[in-house]
Amino acid sequence: TYPKSPYRHNDTKIWPFGVGELTQRGRMQMFNLGKKFRSLYNGFLGQIYRPGEFKGLSTPMGRTLQSAELFLAGLFPPIGFQMWNKDLKWQPIPVFPNLLDRNDMVP
């Protein structure tokens, strides 16, 4: 928080998981952003997640790893053979830590 923030640093109503962690609203926003990207780039991405074609990267911090997982859950909902639990519309997609001092995007 900033010096004149109306939110107290230790307010568990604002920061239920701790200061600097994702809130429930933030979690939902990341999931919905993944769904939005799915609708925008559906033709480009293809219908299903394929490990050889897509790699999830994140900085190695809890909130950024969670953000990546939530985004990917919205981006790649399981369909057909990817459904492993009928009660859970989610599939595990690995998120790899990308250290800030290197760039894995460049071959």
C-alpha atoms as a PDB file:
ATOM      1  CA  THR A   1       0.000   0.000   0.000  1.00  0.00           C
ATOM      2  CA  TYR A   2       1.026   3.621  -0.357  1.00  0.00           C
ATOM      3  CA  PRO A   3       1.419   6.121   2.555  1.00  0.00           C
ATOM      4  CA  LYS A   4      -2.088   7.649   2.371  1.00  0.00           C
ATOM      5  CA  SER A   5      -3.882   4.483   1.309  1.00  0.00           C
ATOM      6  CA  PRO A   6      -7.375   4.114   2.786  1.00  0.00           C
ATOM      7  CA  TYR A   7      -6.645   0.388   3.233  1.00  0.00           C
ATOM      8  CA  ARG A   8      -4.709  -0.702   6.284  1.00  0.00           C
ATOM      9  CA  HIS A   9      -1.688  -2.872   5.634  1.00  0.00           C
ATOM     10  CA  ASN A  10      -2.890  -5.630   7.974  1.00  0.00           C
ATOM     11  CA  ASP A  11      -6.616  -5.517   7.147  1.00  0.00           C
ATOM     12  CA  THR A  12      -7.620  -9.157   6.598  1.00  0.00           C
ATOM     13  CA  LYS A  13     -10.885  -8.074   4.957  1.00  0.00           C
ATOM     14  CA  ILE A  14      -8.874  -6.393   2.192  1.00  0.00           C
ATOM     15  CA  TRP A  15      -5.938  -8.844   2.170  1.00  0.00           C
ATOM     16  CA  PRO A  16      -7.388 -12.217   3.321  1.00  0.00           C
ATOM     17  CA  PHE A  17      -4.347 -14.140   2.028  1.00  0.00           C
ATOM     18  CA  GLY A  18      -1.782 -11.563   3.177  1.00  0.00           C
ATOM     19  CA  VAL A  19      -0.537  -8.250   1.836  1.00  0.00           C
ATOM     20  CA  GLY A  20       0.541  -8.451  -1.787  1.00  0.00           C
ATOM     21  CA  GLU A  21      -1.261 -11.733  -2.454  1.00  0.00           C
ATOM     22  CA  LEU A  22      -4.158 -12.138  -4.847  1.00  0.00           C
ATOM     23  CA  THR A  23      -7.583 -11.313  -3.500  1.00  0.00           C
ATOM     24  CA  GLN A  24     -10.664 -13.313  -4.476  1.00  0.00           C
ATOM     25  CA  ARG A  25     -11.525 -10.503  -6.900  1.00  0.00           C
ATOM     26  CA  GLY A  26      -8.031 -10.641  -8.392  1.00  0.00           C
ATOM     27  CA  ARG A  27      -8.305 -14.395  -8.817  1.00  0.00           C
ATOM     28  CA  MET A  28     -11.605 -14.051 -10.641  1.00  0.00           C
ATOM     29  CA  GLN A  29     -10.185 -11.270 -12.829  1.00  0.00           C
ATOM     30  CA  MET A  30      -7.268 -13.471 -13.935  1.00  0.00           C
ATOM     31  CA  PHE A  31      -9.582 -16.400 -14.694  1.00  0.00           C
ATOM     32  CA  ASN A  32     -11.940 -14.154 -16.671  1.00  0.00           C
ATOM     33  CA  LEU A  33      -8.996 -12.624 -18.547  1.00  0.00           C
ATOM     34  CA  GLY A  34      -8.003 -16.128 -19.662  1.00  0.00           C
ATOM     35  CA  LYS A  35     -11.577 -16.716 -20.863  1.00  0.00           C
ATOM     36  CA  LYS A  36     -11.505 -13.382 -22.724  1.00  0.00           C
ATOM     37  CA  PHE A  37      -8.249 -14.303 -24.476  1.00  0.00           C
ATOM     38  CA  ARG A  38      -9.807 -17.671 -25.397  1.00  0.00           C
ATOM     39  CA  SER A  39     -12.697 -15.871 -27.099  1.00  0.00           C
ATOM     40  CA  LEU A  40     -10.354 -13.434 -28.876  1.00  0.00           C
ATOM     41  CA  TYR A  41      -7.696 -15.941 -30.008  1.00  0.00           C
ATOM     42  CA  ASN A  42      -9.668 -19.191 -30.271  1.00  0.00           C
ATOM     43  CA  GLY A  43      -8.758 -19.770 -33.930  1.00  0.00           C
ATOM     44  CA  PHE A  44      -5.095 -19.054 -33.302  1.00  0.00           C
ATOM     45  CA  LEU A  45      -4.775 -21.154 -30.139  1.00  0.00           C
ATOM     46  CA  GLY A  46      -6.677 -24.205 -31.282  1.00  0.00           C
ATOM     47  CA  GLN A  47      -9.372 -25.948 -29.282  1.00  0.00           C
ATOM     48  CA  ILE A  48      -7.195 -27.931 -26.872  1.00  0.00           C
ATOM     49  CA  TYR A  49      -4.060 -27.425 -24.805  1.00  0.00           C
ATOM     50  CA  ARG A  50      -1.063 -29.182 -26.327  1.00  0.00           C
ATOM     51  CA  PRO A  51       2.115 -29.197 -24.201  1.00  0.00           C
ATOM     52  CA  GLY A  52       4.413 -29.075 -27.235  1.00  0.00           C
ATOM     53  CA  GLU A  53       2.722 -25.962 -28.608  1.00  0.00           C
ATOM     54  CA  PHE A  54       2.250 -23.823 -25.518  1.00  0.00           C
ATOM     55  CA  LYS A  55       4.418 -23.058 -22.502  1.00  0.00           C
ATOM     56  CA  GLY A  56       3.210 -21.132 -19.447  1.00  0.00           C
ATOM     57  CA  LEU A  57       5.847 -18.888 -17.863  1.00  0.00           C
ATOM     58  CA  SER A  58       5.792 -16.819 -14.692  1.00  0.00           C
ATOM     59  CA  THR A  59       8.170 -15.133 -12.321  1.00  0.00           C
ATOM     60  CA  PRO A  60       8.816 -17.386  -9.295  1.00  0.00           C
ATOM     61  CA  MET A  61       6.493 -15.583  -6.857  1.00  0.00           C
ATOM     62  CA  GLY A  62       3.335 -17.036  -5.344  1.00  0.00           C
ATOM     63  CA  ARG A  63       0.960 -14.398  -6.675  1.00  0.00           C
ATOM     64  CA  THR A  64       2.383 -14.465 -10.204  1.00  0.00           C
ATOM     65  CA  LEU A  65       2.355 -18.267 -10.342  1.00  0.00           C
ATOM     66  CA  GLN A  66      -1.268 -18.235  -9.131  1.00  0.00           C
ATOM     67  CA  SER A  67      -2.127 -15.573 -11.705  1.00  0.00           C
ATOM     68  CA  ALA A  68      -0.642 -17.716 -14.470  1.00  0.00           C
ATOM     69  CA  GLU A  69      -2.524 -20.820 -13.286  1.00  0.00           C
ATOM     70  CA  LEU A  70      -5.825 -18.924 -13.124  1.00  0.00           C
ATOM     71  CA  PHE A  71      -5.263 -17.335 -16.541  1.00  0.00           C
ATOM     72  CA  LEU A  72      -4.507 -20.745 -18.067  1.00  0.00           C
ATOM     73  CA  ALA A  73      -7.592 -22.277 -16.424  1.00  0.00           C
ATOM     74  CA  GLY A  74      -9.709 -19.715 -18.276  1.00  0.00           C
ATOM     75  CA  LEU A  75      -7.689 -19.972 -21.485  1.00  0.00           C
ATOM     76  CA  PHE A  76      -7.709 -23.765 -21.788  1.00  0.00           C
ATOM     77  CA  PRO A  77     -10.846 -25.290 -20.248  1.00  0.00           C
ATOM     78  CA  PRO A  78     -10.734 -29.070 -20.664  1.00  0.00           C
ATOM     79  CA  ILE A  79     -12.820 -30.616 -23.422  1.00  0.00           C
ATOM     80  CA  GLY A  80     -13.354 -34.214 -24.482  1.00  0.00           C
ATOM     81  CA  PHE A  81     -10.458 -36.473 -23.546  1.00  0.00           C
ATOM     82  CA  GLN A  82      -8.954 -33.725 -21.363  1.00  0.00           C
ATOM     83  CA  MET A  83     -11.818 -34.043 -18.862  1.00  0.00           C
ATOM     84  CA  TRP A  84     -10.391 -36.077 -16.012  1.00  0.00           C
ATOM     85  CA  ASN A  85     -13.006 -35.155 -13.363  1.00  0.00           C
ATOM     86  CA  LYS A  86     -16.625 -34.515 -14.341  1.00  0.00           C
ATOM     87  CA  ASP A  87     -17.094 -32.216 -11.326  1.00  0.00           C
ATOM     88  CA  LEU A  88     -14.043 -30.063 -12.035  1.00  0.00           C
ATOM     89  CA  LYS A  89     -13.834 -28.030 -15.244  1.00  0.00           C
ATOM     90  CA  TRP A  90     -10.082 -27.549 -14.932  1.00  0.00           C
ATOM     91  CA  GLN A  91      -7.016 -29.269 -16.248  1.00  0.00           C
ATOM     92  CA  PRO A  92      -3.499 -29.080 -14.876  1.00  0.00           C
ATOM     93  CA  ILE A  93      -1.230 -27.019 -17.110  1.00  0.00           C
ATOM     94  CA  PRO A  94       2.372 -26.574 -15.973  1.00  0.00           C
ATOM     95  CA  VAL A  95       3.643 -23.081 -15.267  1.00  0.00           C
ATOM     96  CA  PHE A  96       7.401 -22.762 -15.394  1.00  0.00           C
ATOM     97  CA  PRO A  97       9.287 -20.127 -13.416  1.00  0.00           C
ATOM     98  CA  ASN A  98      11.012 -17.649 -15.690  1.00  0.00           C
ATOM     99  CA  LEU A  99      13.866 -15.968 -13.869  1.00  0.00           C
ATOM    100  CA  LEU A 100      14.082 -12.223 -14.401  1.00  0.00           C
ATOM    101  CA  ASP A 101      17.717 -12.294 -15.536  1.00  0.00           C
ATOM    102  CA  ARG A 102      17.112 -14.558 -18.531  1.00  0.00           C
ATOM    103  CA  ASN A 103      14.716 -14.700 -21.435  1.00  0.00           C
ATOM    104  CA  ASP A 104      13.416 -18.162 -22.334  1.00  0.00           C
ATOM    105  CA  MET A 105      11.310 -16.728 -25.142  1.00  0.00           C
ATOM    106  CA  VAL A 106      14.306 -16.247 -27.435  1.00  0.00           C
ATOM    107  CA  PRO A 107      15.739 -19.482 -28.916  1.00  0.00           C
END
